[in-house]
Amino acid sequence: MGGGNGQKSAMRRAKKLEEAQAANKGSQLKQNQASMNIKCQICLTAFVCTTSEKLLREHWENKHPKQPIEAAFPQLKSA
């Protein structure tokens, strides 16, 4: 027994929907790049938005100790 035109159309729609969902599962590079929104103003190194203050201070101490921390990360205050 064959299916009608409505059944064939529904099968095509379901298949296209599955293909679209499979294409979206791939890489997460775009999302990762978008979350890199903390930037050292001296060397322009980007950090993920969830980076801790401790890690930012570590970067500053290792790379730019002669300059104030506010020059590298304006959102941090010197301690």
Protein backbone atom coordinates (compact mmCIF):
# COMPACT_ATOMS: atom_id res chain seq x y z
CA MET A 1 0.00 0.00 0.00
CA GLY A 2 1.30 3.41 -0.94
CA GLY A 3 1.03 6.58 1.03
CA GLY A 4 -0.85 9.63 -0.11
CA ASN A 5 0.65 13.00 -1.01
CA GLY A 6 0.01 14.32 2.49
CA GLN A 7 1.95 11.47 4.05
CA LYS A 8 4.89 12.01 1.67
CA SER A 9 4.97 15.72 2.45
CA ALA A 10 4.94 15.05 6.18
CA MET A 11 7.81 12.57 5.82
CA ARG A 12 9.85 15.14 3.85
CA ARG A 13 9.22 17.82 6.47
CA ALA A 14 10.26 15.47 9.28
CA LYS A 15 13.44 14.48 7.42
CA LYS A 16 14.40 18.12 6.76
CA LEU A 17 13.79 18.97 10.41
CA GLU A 18 16.09 16.12 11.53
CA GLU A 19 18.80 17.28 9.09
CA ALA A 20 18.57 20.86 10.35
CA GLN A 21 18.87 19.73 13.97
CA ALA A 22 21.88 17.53 13.11
CA ALA A 23 23.59 20.48 11.41
CA ASN A 24 23.15 22.63 14.54
CA LYS A 25 24.69 19.99 16.83
CA GLY A 26 28.17 20.31 15.31
CA SER A 27 30.69 22.83 16.49
CA GLN A 28 30.42 25.13 19.45
CA LEU A 29 33.16 27.47 18.25
CA LYS A 30 30.84 30.39 17.56
CA GLN A 31 29.37 30.24 21.06
CA ASN A 32 32.82 29.99 22.61
CA GLN A 33 34.10 32.96 20.62
CA ALA A 34 31.09 35.04 21.64
CA SER A 35 31.73 34.36 25.33
CA MET A 36 35.30 35.75 25.14
CA ASN A 37 34.28 39.22 26.27
CA ILE A 38 36.89 40.09 28.93
CA LYS A 39 39.97 41.54 27.27
CA CYS A 40 43.31 42.70 28.61
CA GLN A 41 43.64 46.27 27.36
CA ILE A 42 47.44 46.04 27.16
CA CYS A 43 48.09 42.83 25.19
CA LEU A 44 44.47 42.28 23.99
CA THR A 45 44.34 38.72 25.30
CA ALA A 46 40.71 37.57 25.48
CA PHE A 47 39.25 35.71 28.44
CA VAL A 48 35.95 33.84 28.83
CA CYS A 49 33.26 35.77 30.68
CA THR A 50 33.34 33.24 33.55
CA THR A 51 37.04 33.79 34.26
CA SER A 52 37.73 34.49 37.92
CA GLU A 53 39.30 37.68 39.24
CA LYS A 54 42.17 35.58 40.57
CA LEU A 55 43.08 34.41 37.06
CA LEU A 56 42.94 37.96 35.70
CA ARG A 57 45.21 39.19 38.49
CA GLU A 58 47.58 36.29 37.78
CA HIS A 59 47.76 37.30 34.12
CA TRP A 60 48.49 40.89 35.11
CA GLU A 61 51.21 39.88 37.61
CA ASN A 62 52.92 37.59 35.10
CA LYS A 63 52.67 39.75 31.99
CA HIS A 64 52.34 43.42 33.00
CA PRO A 65 53.60 43.91 36.59
CA LYS A 66 55.08 47.37 35.90
CA GLN A 67 51.72 48.85 34.89
CA PRO A 68 48.70 49.34 37.13
CA ILE A 69 46.06 46.63 37.02
CA GLU A 70 43.43 49.18 35.93
CA ALA A 71 45.37 49.66 32.69
CA ALA A 72 44.97 45.97 31.88
CA PHE A 73 41.50 45.36 33.31
CA PRO A 74 39.54 48.57 34.00
CA GLN A 75 36.77 46.60 35.73
CA LEU A 76 39.18 45.52 38.52
CA LYS A 77 40.36 47.76 41.31
CA SER A 78 43.88 47.55 42.75
CA ALA A 79 44.17 45.97 46.15
